[in-house]
Amino acid sequence: MNEFSATTDGIRGFGAAAGAMATRVQGAAVGAAAAGPALLGPAFGLIGADFVAAFAAAQGGHVRALGALAGVLDGMGGAASATADAYDAADQGVAAALRATGAGLEA
């Protein structure tokens, strides 16, 4: 028979780390959005308008990608926490069933 073991505290730790990373990545997205290219227009003038437009599109994509990554990390953290809770609940359920069976045998 194959054995399976899950360290739920470790799984929860991973979930907490993923949640913390999500917060930091979201903060980076906010910072990137605030550093938009709007101020570049006057510096580049009419000649650089195409560059500024391309840069704005790329920067917007970067901000969206950071937001998506933060969402994925947040989801991973939630899933890890729910998984640890499910493992603990299953373990406690089996333990309770074994105790009940053992109590029935002692009687």
PDB file of N, CA and C in Angstrom:
ATOM      1  N   MET A   1       0.843  -1.179   0.000  1.00  0.00           N
ATOM      2  CA  MET A   1       0.000   0.000   0.000  1.00  0.00           C
ATOM      3  C   MET A   1       0.886   1.240   0.000  1.00  0.00           C
ATOM      4  N   ASN A   2       0.526   2.206  -0.807  1.00  0.00           N
ATOM      5  CA  ASN A   2       1.270   3.461  -0.858  1.00  0.00           C
ATOM      6  C   ASN A   2       0.834   4.365   0.280  1.00  0.00           C
ATOM      7  N   GLU A   3       1.800   5.062   0.835  1.00  0.00           N
ATOM      8  CA  GLU A   3       1.493   5.991   1.918  1.00  0.00           C
ATOM      9  C   GLU A   3       1.414   7.405   1.375  1.00  0.00           C
ATOM     10  N   PHE A   4       0.558   8.179   1.975  1.00  0.00           N
ATOM     11  CA  PHE A   4       0.432   9.590   1.624  1.00  0.00           C
ATOM     12  C   PHE A   4       0.491  10.381   2.914  1.00  0.00           C
ATOM     13  N   SER A   5       1.286  11.417   2.894  1.00  0.00           N
ATOM     14  CA  SER A   5       1.400  12.273   4.066  1.00  0.00           C
ATOM     15  C   SER A   5       1.408  13.724   3.603  1.00  0.00           C
ATOM     16  N   ALA A   6       0.639  14.543   4.259  1.00  0.00           N
ATOM     17  CA  ALA A   6       0.598  15.972   3.944  1.00  0.00           C
ATOM     18  C   ALA A   6       0.839  16.755   5.224  1.00  0.00           C
ATOM     19  N   THR A   7       1.782  17.651   5.180  1.00  0.00           N
ATOM     20  CA  THR A   7       2.058  18.517   6.317  1.00  0.00           C
ATOM     21  C   THR A   7       1.244  19.791   6.127  1.00  0.00           C
ATOM     22  N   THR A   8       0.107  19.836   6.803  1.00  0.00           N
ATOM     23  CA  THR A   8      -0.828  20.933   6.556  1.00  0.00           C
ATOM     24  C   THR A   8      -0.280  22.292   6.995  1.00  0.00           C
ATOM     25  N   ASP A   9       0.574  22.310   8.007  1.00  0.00           N
ATOM     26  CA  ASP A   9       1.181  23.586   8.389  1.00  0.00           C
ATOM     27  C   ASP A   9       2.066  24.107   7.260  1.00  0.00           C
ATOM     28  N   GLY A  10       2.775  23.198   6.594  1.00  0.00           N
ATOM     29  CA  GLY A  10       3.596  23.591   5.446  1.00  0.00           C
ATOM     30  C   GLY A  10       2.750  24.084   4.287  1.00  0.00           C
ATOM     31  N   ILE A  11       1.623  23.417   4.061  1.00  0.00           N
ATOM     32  CA  ILE A  11       0.717  23.839   2.991  1.00  0.00           C
ATOM     33  C   ILE A  11       0.154  25.222   3.310  1.00  0.00           C
ATOM     34  N   ARG A  12      -0.219  25.429   4.564  1.00  0.00           N
ATOM     35  CA  ARG A  12      -0.715  26.755   4.960  1.00  0.00           C
ATOM     36  C   ARG A  12       0.378  27.816   4.832  1.00  0.00           C
ATOM     37  N   GLY A  13       1.607  27.447   5.171  1.00  0.00           N
ATOM     38  CA  GLY A  13       2.730  28.378   5.016  1.00  0.00           C
ATOM     39  C   GLY A  13       2.924  28.782   3.565  1.00  0.00           C
ATOM     40  N   PHE A  14       2.803  27.799   2.662  1.00  0.00           N
ATOM     41  CA  PHE A  14       2.884  28.107   1.238  1.00  0.00           C
ATOM     42  C   PHE A  14       1.759  29.057   0.840  1.00  0.00           C
ATOM     43  N   GLY A  15       0.557  28.788   1.343  1.00  0.00           N
ATOM     44  CA  GLY A  15      -0.581  29.655   1.030  1.00  0.00           C
ATOM     45  C   GLY A  15      -0.361  31.077   1.511  1.00  0.00           C
ATOM     46  N   ALA A  16       0.185  31.208   2.711  1.00  0.00           N
ATOM     47  CA  ALA A  16       0.461  32.544   3.247  1.00  0.00           C
ATOM     48  C   ALA A  16       1.527  33.250   2.416  1.00  0.00           C
ATOM     49  N   ALA A  17       2.558  32.504   2.004  1.00  0.00           N
ATOM     50  CA  ALA A  17       3.611  33.096   1.174  1.00  0.00           C
ATOM     51  C   ALA A  17       3.053  33.539  -0.174  1.00  0.00           C
ATOM     52  N   ALA A  18       2.195  32.722  -0.768  1.00  0.00           N
ATOM     53  CA  ALA A  18       1.584  33.091  -2.048  1.00  0.00           C
ATOM     54  C   ALA A  18       0.712  34.334  -1.884  1.00  0.00           C
ATOM     55  N   GLY A  19      -0.023  34.411  -0.784  1.00  0.00           N
ATOM     56  CA  GLY A  19      -0.841  35.594  -0.523  1.00  0.00           C
ATOM     57  C   GLY A  19       0.009  36.847  -0.350  1.00  0.00           C
ATOM     58  N   ALA A  20       1.135  36.703   0.350  1.00  0.00           N
ATOM     59  CA  ALA A  20       2.039  37.841   0.533  1.00  0.00           C
ATOM     60  C   ALA A  20       2.634  38.277  -0.805  1.00  0.00           C
ATOM     61  N   MET A  21       2.993  37.302  -1.643  1.00  0.00           N
ATOM     62  CA  MET A  21       3.514  37.647  -2.969  1.00  0.00           C
ATOM     63  C   MET A  21       2.451  38.358  -3.796  1.00  0.00           C
ATOM     64  N   ALA A  22       1.206  37.912  -3.681  1.00  0.00           N
ATOM     65  CA  ALA A  22       0.115  38.556  -4.417  1.00  0.00           C
ATOM     66  C   ALA A  22       0.004  40.024  -4.027  1.00  0.00           C
ATOM     67  N   THR A  23       0.113  40.296  -2.745  1.00  0.00           N
ATOM     68  CA  THR A  23       0.032  41.677  -2.261  1.00  0.00           C
ATOM     69  C   THR A  23       1.173  42.519  -2.818  1.00  0.00           C
ATOM     70  N   ARG A  24       2.377  41.946  -2.823  1.00  0.00           N
ATOM     71  CA  ARG A  24       3.538  42.695  -3.322  1.00  0.00           C
ATOM     72  C   ARG A  24       3.458  42.919  -4.827  1.00  0.00           C
ATOM     73  N   VAL A  25       3.009  41.912  -5.561  1.00  0.00           N
ATOM     74  CA  VAL A  25       2.883  42.065  -7.013  1.00  0.00           C
ATOM     75  C   VAL A  25       1.797  43.090  -7.337  1.00  0.00           C
ATOM     76  N   GLN A  26       0.701  43.067  -6.578  1.00  0.00           N
ATOM     77  CA  GLN A  26      -0.349  44.070  -6.795  1.00  0.00           C
ATOM     78  C   GLN A  26       0.191  45.465  -6.511  1.00  0.00           C
ATOM     79  N   GLY A  27       1.026  45.584  -5.490  1.00  0.00           N
ATOM     80  CA  GLY A  27       1.667  46.870  -5.208  1.00  0.00           C
ATOM     81  C   GLY A  27       2.564  47.316  -6.351  1.00  0.00           C
ATOM     82  N   ALA A  28       3.265  46.363  -6.958  1.00  0.00           N
ATOM     83  CA  ALA A  28       4.096  46.688  -8.118  1.00  0.00           C
ATOM     84  C   ALA A  28       3.232  47.148  -9.285  1.00  0.00           C
ATOM     85  N   ALA A  29       2.066  46.532  -9.446  1.00  0.00           N
ATOM     86  CA  ALA A  29       1.152  46.944 -10.519  1.00  0.00           C
ATOM     87  C   ALA A  29       0.671  48.375 -10.303  1.00  0.00           C
ATOM     88  N   VAL A  30       0.355  48.701  -9.065  1.00  0.00           N
ATOM     89  CA  VAL A  30      -0.083  50.065  -8.749  1.00  0.00           C
ATOM     90  C   VAL A  30       1.045  51.056  -9.042  1.00  0.00           C
ATOM     91  N   GLY A  31       2.261  50.692  -8.648  1.00  0.00           N
ATOM     92  CA  GLY A  31       3.409  51.558  -8.915  1.00  0.00           C
ATOM     93  C   GLY A  31       3.675  51.720 -10.399  1.00  0.00           C
ATOM     94  N   ALA A  32       3.555  50.628 -11.142  1.00  0.00           N
ATOM     95  CA  ALA A  32       3.770  50.696 -12.589  1.00  0.00           C
ATOM     96  C   ALA A  32       2.702  51.550 -13.257  1.00  0.00           C
ATOM     97  N   ALA A  33       1.466  51.434 -12.786  1.00  0.00           N
ATOM     98  CA  ALA A  33       0.386  52.243 -13.360  1.00  0.00           C
ATOM     99  C   ALA A  33       0.614  53.729 -13.087  1.00  0.00           C
ATOM    100  N   ALA A  34       1.131  54.033 -11.904  1.00  0.00           N
ATOM    101  CA  ALA A  34       1.379  55.429 -11.546  1.00  0.00           C
ATOM    102  C   ALA A  34       2.531  56.022 -12.352  1.00  0.00           C
ATOM    103  N   ALA A  35       3.414  55.166 -12.841  1.00  0.00           N
ATOM    104  CA  ALA A  35       4.565  55.632 -13.614  1.00  0.00           C
ATOM    105  C   ALA A  35       4.253  55.612 -15.109  1.00  0.00           C
ATOM    106  N   GLY A  36       3.031  55.924 -15.455  1.00  0.00           N
ATOM    107  CA  GLY A  36       2.592  55.896 -16.847  1.00  0.00           C
ATOM    108  C   GLY A  36       3.332  56.900 -17.713  1.00  0.00           C
ATOM    109  N   PRO A  37       3.197  56.731 -19.003  1.00  0.00           N
ATOM    110  CA  PRO A  37       3.958  57.557 -19.946  1.00  0.00           C
ATOM    111  C   PRO A  37       3.335  58.920 -20.250  1.00  0.00           C
ATOM    112  N   ALA A  38       2.332  59.335 -19.519  1.00  0.00           N
ATOM    113  CA  ALA A  38       1.654  60.601 -19.822  1.00  0.00           C
ATOM    114  C   ALA A  38       2.617  61.788 -19.822  1.00  0.00           C
ATOM    115  N   LEU A  39       3.596  61.753 -18.950  1.00  0.00           N
ATOM    116  CA  LEU A  39       4.542  62.869 -18.867  1.00  0.00           C
ATOM    117  C   LEU A  39       5.560  62.861 -20.000  1.00  0.00           C
ATOM    118  N   LEU A  40       5.632  61.755 -20.743  1.00  0.00           N
ATOM    119  CA  LEU A  40       6.615  61.672 -21.821  1.00  0.00           C
ATOM    120  C   LEU A  40       6.199  62.466 -23.055  1.00  0.00           C
ATOM    121  N   GLY A  41       4.899  62.654 -23.251  1.00  0.00           N
ATOM    122  CA  GLY A  41       4.408  63.350 -24.438  1.00  0.00           C
ATOM    123  C   GLY A  41       5.093  64.683 -24.689  1.00  0.00           C
ATOM    124  N   PRO A  42       5.088  65.584 -23.727  1.00  0.00           N
ATOM    125  CA  PRO A  42       5.741  66.874 -23.948  1.00  0.00           C
ATOM    126  C   PRO A  42       7.251  66.743 -24.185  1.00  0.00           C
ATOM    127  N   ALA A  43       7.880  65.772 -23.550  1.00  0.00           N
ATOM    128  CA  ALA A  43       9.323  65.615 -23.710  1.00  0.00           C
ATOM    129  C   ALA A  43       9.683  65.133 -25.112  1.00  0.00           C
ATOM    130  N   PHE A  44       8.852  64.278 -25.695  1.00  0.00           N
ATOM    131  CA  PHE A  44       9.143  63.732 -27.018  1.00  0.00           C
ATOM    132  C   PHE A  44       8.516  64.555 -28.138  1.00  0.00           C
ATOM    133  N   GLY A  45       7.504  65.324 -27.809  1.00  0.00           N
ATOM    134  CA  GLY A  45       6.870  66.170 -28.817  1.00  0.00           C
ATOM    135  C   GLY A  45       6.151  65.373 -29.883  1.00  0.00           C
ATOM    136  N   LEU A  46       5.863  66.029 -30.999  1.00  0.00           N
ATOM    137  CA  LEU A  46       5.131  65.389 -32.086  1.00  0.00           C
ATOM    138  C   LEU A  46       5.926  64.262 -32.728  1.00  0.00           C
ATOM    139  N   ILE A  47       7.230  64.424 -32.790  1.00  0.00           N
ATOM    140  CA  ILE A  47       8.067  63.414 -33.444  1.00  0.00           C
ATOM    141  C   ILE A  47       8.036  62.100 -32.661  1.00  0.00           C
ATOM    142  N   GLY A  48       7.968  62.173 -31.369  1.00  0.00           N
ATOM    143  CA  GLY A  48       7.980  60.971 -30.539  1.00  0.00           C
ATOM    144  C   GLY A  48       6.608  60.440 -30.174  1.00  0.00           C
ATOM    145  N   ALA A  49       5.557  60.983 -30.776  1.00  0.00           N
ATOM    146  CA  ALA A  49       4.194  60.576 -30.413  1.00  0.00           C
ATOM    147  C   ALA A  49       3.962  59.089 -30.659  1.00  0.00           C
ATOM    148  N   ASP A  50       4.488  58.566 -31.765  1.00  0.00           N
ATOM    149  CA  ASP A  50       4.315  57.134 -32.045  1.00  0.00           C
ATOM    150  C   ASP A  50       5.006  56.286 -30.978  1.00  0.00           C
ATOM    151  N   PHE A  51       6.207  56.718 -30.581  1.00  0.00           N
ATOM    152  CA  PHE A  51       6.921  55.979 -29.536  1.00  0.00           C
ATOM    153  C   PHE A  51       6.142  56.012 -28.224  1.00  0.00           C
ATOM    154  N   VAL A  52       5.648  57.176 -27.866  1.00  0.00           N
ATOM    155  CA  VAL A  52       4.903  57.311 -26.612  1.00  0.00           C
ATOM    156  C   VAL A  52       3.644  56.450 -26.650  1.00  0.00           C
ATOM    157  N   ALA A  53       2.974  56.403 -27.794  1.00  0.00           N
ATOM    158  CA  ALA A  53       1.771  55.566 -27.919  1.00  0.00           C
ATOM    159  C   ALA A  53       2.123  54.089 -27.774  1.00  0.00           C
ATOM    160  N   ALA A  54       3.214  53.661 -28.406  1.00  0.00           N
ATOM    161  CA  ALA A  54       3.640  52.261 -28.297  1.00  0.00           C
ATOM    162  C   ALA A  54       4.062  51.943 -26.866  1.00  0.00           C
ATOM    163  N   PHE A  55       4.763  52.883 -26.256  1.00  0.00           N
ATOM    164  CA  PHE A  55       5.191  52.681 -24.874  1.00  0.00           C
ATOM    165  C   PHE A  55       3.983  52.588 -23.948  1.00  0.00           C
ATOM    166  N   ALA A  56       2.987  53.423 -24.180  1.00  0.00           N
ATOM    167  CA  ALA A  56       1.775  53.395 -23.355  1.00  0.00           C
ATOM    168  C   ALA A  56       1.064  52.056 -23.488  1.00  0.00           C
ATOM    169  N   ALA A  57       1.004  51.524 -24.703  1.00  0.00           N
ATOM    170  CA  ALA A  57       0.364  50.218 -24.906  1.00  0.00           C
ATOM    171  C   ALA A  57       1.143  49.118 -24.188  1.00  0.00           C
ATOM    172  N   ALA A  58       2.462  49.151 -24.310  1.00  0.00           N
ATOM    173  CA  ALA A  58       3.289  48.134 -23.644  1.00  0.00           C
ATOM    174  C   ALA A  58       3.184  48.256 -22.129  1.00  0.00           C
ATOM    175  N   GLN A  59       3.204  49.474 -21.644  1.00  0.00           N
ATOM    176  CA  GLN A  59       3.120  49.690 -20.200  1.00  0.00           C
ATOM    177  C   GLN A  59       1.769  49.246 -19.672  1.00  0.00           C
ATOM    178  N   GLY A  60       0.707  49.488 -20.420  1.00  0.00           N
ATOM    179  CA  GLY A  60      -0.626  49.025 -20.021  1.00  0.00           C
ATOM    180  C   GLY A  60      -0.695  47.510 -19.968  1.00  0.00           C
ATOM    181  N   GLY A  61      -0.073  46.854 -20.948  1.00  0.00           N
ATOM    182  CA  GLY A  61      -0.016  45.389 -20.936  1.00  0.00           C
ATOM    183  C   GLY A  61       0.751  44.870 -19.734  1.00  0.00           C
ATOM    184  N   HIS A  62       1.817  45.565 -19.391  1.00  0.00           N
ATOM    185  CA  HIS A  62       2.619  45.179 -18.225  1.00  0.00           C
ATOM    186  C   HIS A  62       1.789  45.283 -16.943  1.00  0.00           C
ATOM    187  N   VAL A  63       1.052  46.358 -16.805  1.00  0.00           N
ATOM    188  CA  VAL A  63       0.209  46.550 -15.616  1.00  0.00           C
ATOM    189  C   VAL A  63      -0.861  45.461 -15.550  1.00  0.00           C
ATOM    190  N   ARG A  64      -1.480  45.152 -16.696  1.00  0.00           N
ATOM    191  CA  ARG A  64      -2.501  44.092 -16.714  1.00  0.00           C
ATOM    192  C   ARG A  64      -1.890  42.734 -16.366  1.00  0.00           C
ATOM    193  N   ALA A  65      -0.688  42.461 -16.875  1.00  0.00           N
ATOM    194  CA  ALA A  65      -0.031  41.186 -16.576  1.00  0.00           C
ATOM    195  C   ALA A  65       0.294  41.074 -15.088  1.00  0.00           C
ATOM    196  N   LEU A  66       0.758  42.159 -14.497  1.00  0.00           N
ATOM    197  CA  LEU A  66       1.027  42.137 -13.056  1.00  0.00           C
ATOM    198  C   LEU A  66      -0.256  41.894 -12.266  1.00  0.00           C
ATOM    199  N   GLY A  67      -1.339  42.523 -12.682  1.00  0.00           N
ATOM    200  CA  GLY A  67      -2.624  42.307 -12.016  1.00  0.00           C
ATOM    201  C   GLY A  67      -3.080  40.863 -12.130  1.00  0.00           C
ATOM    202  N   ALA A  68      -2.891  40.285 -13.323  1.00  0.00           N
ATOM    203  CA  ALA A  68      -3.273  38.882 -13.518  1.00  0.00           C
ATOM    204  C   ALA A  68      -2.413  37.965 -12.659  1.00  0.00           C
ATOM    205  N   LEU A  69      -1.109  38.239 -12.604  1.00  0.00           N
ATOM    206  CA  LEU A  69      -0.220  37.426 -11.773  1.00  0.00           C
ATOM    207  C   LEU A  69      -0.611  37.526 -10.306  1.00  0.00           C
ATOM    208  N   ALA A  70      -0.946  38.715  -9.845  1.00  0.00           N
ATOM    209  CA  ALA A  70      -1.385  38.879  -8.456  1.00  0.00           C
ATOM    210  C   ALA A  70      -2.638  38.058  -8.198  1.00  0.00           C
ATOM    211  N   GLY A  71      -3.550  38.038  -9.158  1.00  0.00           N
ATOM    212  CA  GLY A  71      -4.764  37.237  -9.008  1.00  0.00           C
ATOM    213  C   GLY A  71      -4.475  35.752  -8.932  1.00  0.00           C
ATOM    214  N   VAL A  72      -3.541  35.284  -9.753  1.00  0.00           N
ATOM    215  CA  VAL A  72      -3.164  33.866  -9.726  1.00  0.00           C
ATOM    216  C   VAL A  72      -2.529  33.513  -8.383  1.00  0.00           C
ATOM    217  N   LEU A  73      -1.616  34.348  -7.928  1.00  0.00           N
ATOM    218  CA  LEU A  73      -0.968  34.084  -6.641  1.00  0.00           C
ATOM    219  C   LEU A  73      -1.981  34.086  -5.500  1.00  0.00           C
ATOM    220  N   ASP A  74      -2.920  35.013  -5.538  1.00  0.00           N
ATOM    221  CA  ASP A  74      -3.957  35.063  -4.508  1.00  0.00           C
ATOM    222  C   ASP A  74      -4.805  33.793  -4.548  1.00  0.00           C
ATOM    223  N   GLY A  75      -5.140  33.338  -5.744  1.00  0.00           N
ATOM    224  CA  GLY A  75      -5.900  32.094  -5.887  1.00  0.00           C
ATOM    225  C   GLY A  75      -5.135  30.890  -5.376  1.00  0.00           C
ATOM    226  N   MET A  76      -3.827  30.862  -5.647  1.00  0.00           N
ATOM    227  CA  MET A  76      -3.002  29.762  -5.141  1.00  0.00           C
ATOM    228  C   MET A  76      -2.996  29.751  -3.616  1.00  0.00           C
ATOM    229  N   GLY A  77      -2.891  30.932  -3.024  1.00  0.00           N
ATOM    230  CA  GLY A  77      -2.897  31.015  -1.565  1.00  0.00           C
ATOM    231  C   GLY A  77      -4.200  30.518  -0.975  1.00  0.00           C
ATOM    232  N   GLY A  78      -5.308  30.926  -1.571  1.00  0.00           N
ATOM    233  CA  GLY A  78      -6.613  30.465  -1.096  1.00  0.00           C
ATOM    234  C   GLY A  78      -6.799  28.974  -1.281  1.00  0.00           C
ATOM    235  N   ALA A  79      -6.344  28.460  -2.424  1.00  0.00           N
ATOM    236  CA  ALA A  79      -6.471  27.025  -2.685  1.00  0.00           C
ATOM    237  C   ALA A  79      -5.614  26.215  -1.717  1.00  0.00           C
ATOM    238  N   ALA A  80      -4.419  26.701  -1.425  1.00  0.00           N
ATOM    239  CA  ALA A  80      -3.555  25.985  -0.486  1.00  0.00           C
ATOM    240  C   ALA A  80      -4.180  25.948   0.903  1.00  0.00           C
ATOM    241  N   SER A  81      -4.731  27.057   1.335  1.00  0.00           N
ATOM    242  CA  SER A  81      -5.378  27.104   2.648  1.00  0.00           C
ATOM    243  C   SER A  81      -6.579  26.166   2.700  1.00  0.00           C
ATOM    244  N   ALA A  82      -7.391  26.179   1.653  1.00  0.00           N
ATOM    245  CA  ALA A  82      -8.558  25.291   1.608  1.00  0.00           C
ATOM    246  C   ALA A  82      -8.135  23.828   1.566  1.00  0.00           C
ATOM    247  N   THR A  83      -7.053  23.535   0.861  1.00  0.00           N
ATOM    248  CA  THR A  83      -6.550  22.163   0.791  1.00  0.00           C
ATOM    249  C   THR A  83      -6.086  21.692   2.162  1.00  0.00           C
ATOM    250  N   ALA A  84      -5.343  22.541   2.862  1.00  0.00           N
ATOM    251  CA  ALA A  84      -4.882  22.176   4.204  1.00  0.00           C
ATOM    252  C   ALA A  84      -6.068  21.941   5.130  1.00  0.00           C
ATOM    253  N   ASP A  85      -7.070  22.785   5.048  1.00  0.00           N
ATOM    254  CA  ASP A  85      -8.270  22.603   5.872  1.00  0.00           C
ATOM    255  C   ASP A  85      -8.967  21.286   5.539  1.00  0.00           C
ATOM    256  N   ALA A  86      -9.050  20.958   4.247  1.00  0.00           N
ATOM    257  CA  ALA A  86      -9.707  19.712   3.832  1.00  0.00           C
ATOM    258  C   ALA A  86      -8.926  18.492   4.317  1.00  0.00           C
ATOM    259  N   TYR A  87      -7.601  18.543   4.220  1.00  0.00           N
ATOM    260  CA  TYR A  87      -6.791  17.430   4.728  1.00  0.00           C
ATOM    261  C   TYR A  87      -6.987  17.256   6.232  1.00  0.00           C
ATOM    262  N   ASP A  88      -6.966  18.378   6.965  1.00  0.00           N
ATOM    263  CA  ASP A  88      -7.167  18.288   8.415  1.00  0.00           C
ATOM    264  C   ASP A  88      -8.546  17.727   8.749  1.00  0.00           C
ATOM    265  N   ALA A  89      -9.565  18.179   8.038  1.00  0.00           N
ATOM    266  CA  ALA A  89     -10.924  17.692   8.298  1.00  0.00           C
ATOM    267  C   ALA A  89     -11.034  16.202   7.988  1.00  0.00           C
ATOM    268  N   ALA A  90     -10.427  15.767   6.889  1.00  0.00           N
ATOM    269  CA  ALA A  90     -10.470  14.341   6.541  1.00  0.00           C
ATOM    270  C   ALA A  90      -9.727  13.516   7.586  1.00  0.00           C
ATOM    271  N   ASP A  91      -8.583  14.007   8.011  1.00  0.00           N
ATOM    272  CA  ASP A  91      -7.795  13.296   9.020  1.00  0.00           C
ATOM    273  C   ASP A  91      -8.567  13.195  10.332  1.00  0.00           C
ATOM    274  N   GLN A  92      -9.190  14.283  10.743  1.00  0.00           N
ATOM    275  CA  GLN A  92      -9.969  14.270  11.983  1.00  0.00           C
ATOM    276  C   GLN A  92     -11.192  13.365  11.859  1.00  0.00           C
ATOM    277  N   GLY A  93     -11.796  13.344  10.678  1.00  0.00           N
ATOM    278  CA  GLY A  93     -12.947  12.468  10.458  1.00  0.00           C
ATOM    279  C   GLY A  93     -12.579  11.000  10.549  1.00  0.00           C
ATOM    280  N   VAL A  94     -11.452  10.629   9.938  1.00  0.00           N
ATOM    281  CA  VAL A  94     -10.996   9.235  10.013  1.00  0.00           C
ATOM    282  C   VAL A  94     -10.624   8.882  11.446  1.00  0.00           C
ATOM    283  N   ALA A  95      -9.947   9.790  12.139  1.00  0.00           N
ATOM    284  CA  ALA A  95      -9.565   9.531  13.529  1.00  0.00           C
ATOM    285  C   ALA A  95     -10.801   9.331  14.400  1.00  0.00           C
ATOM    286  N   ALA A  96     -11.823  10.139  14.196  1.00  0.00           N
ATOM    287  CA  ALA A  96     -13.054   9.994  14.979  1.00  0.00           C
ATOM    288  C   ALA A  96     -13.729   8.660  14.684  1.00  0.00           C
ATOM    289  N   ALA A  97     -13.732   8.259  13.419  1.00  0.00           N
ATOM    290  CA  ALA A  97     -14.340   6.977  13.058  1.00  0.00           C
ATOM    291  C   ALA A  97     -13.568   5.816  13.676  1.00  0.00           C
ATOM    292  N   LEU A  98     -12.248   5.908  13.674  1.00  0.00           N
ATOM    293  CA  LEU A  98     -11.442   4.848  14.289  1.00  0.00           C
ATOM    294  C   LEU A  98     -11.661   4.791  15.799  1.00  0.00           C
ATOM    295  N   ARG A  99     -11.753   5.959  16.439  1.00  0.00           N
ATOM    296  CA  ARG A  99     -12.018   5.975  17.883  1.00  0.00           C
ATOM    297  C   ARG A  99     -13.369   5.341  18.181  1.00  0.00           C
ATOM    298  N   ALA A 100     -14.366   5.665  17.375  1.00  0.00           N
ATOM    299  CA  ALA A 100     -15.702   5.099  17.591  1.00  0.00           C
ATOM    300  C   ALA A 100     -15.685   3.590  17.398  1.00  0.00           C
ATOM    301  N   THR A 101     -14.962   3.127  16.392  1.00  0.00           N
ATOM    302  CA  THR A 101     -14.861   1.682  16.160  1.00  0.00           C
ATOM    303  C   THR A 101     -14.121   1.011  17.304  1.00  0.00           C
ATOM    304  N   GLY A 102     -13.040   1.650  17.752  1.00  0.00           N
ATOM    305  CA  GLY A 102     -12.281   1.092  18.870  1.00  0.00           C
ATOM    306  C   GLY A 102     -13.100   1.040  20.140  1.00  0.00           C
ATOM    307  N   ALA A 103     -13.896   2.064  20.378  1.00  0.00           N
ATOM    308  CA  ALA A 103     -14.749   2.077  21.564  1.00  0.00           C
ATOM    309  C   ALA A 103     -15.781   0.961  21.485  1.00  0.00           C
ATOM    310  N   GLY A 104     -16.263   0.673  20.292  1.00  0.00           N
ATOM    311  CA  GLY A 104     -17.233  -0.408  20.122  1.00  0.00           C
ATOM    312  C   GLY A 104     -16.610  -1.767  20.361  1.00  0.00           C
ATOM    313  N   LEU A 105     -15.336  -1.919  20.064  1.00  0.00           N
ATOM    314  CA  LEU A 105     -14.655  -3.199  20.271  1.00  0.00           C
ATOM    315  C   LEU A 105     -14.345  -3.439  21.741  1.00  0.00           C
ATOM    316  N   GLU A 106     -14.118  -2.369  22.489  1.00  0.00           N
ATOM    317  CA  GLU A 106     -13.790  -2.503  23.907  1.00  0.00           C
ATOM    318  C   GLU A 106     -15.010  -2.880  24.733  1.00  0.00           C
ATOM    319  N   ALA A 107     -16.168  -2.572  24.250  1.00  0.00           N
ATOM    320  CA  ALA A 107     -17.380  -2.800  25.033  1.00  0.00           C
ATOM    321  C   ALA A 107     -17.733  -4.253  25.148  1.00  0.00           C
TER     322      ALA A 107
END
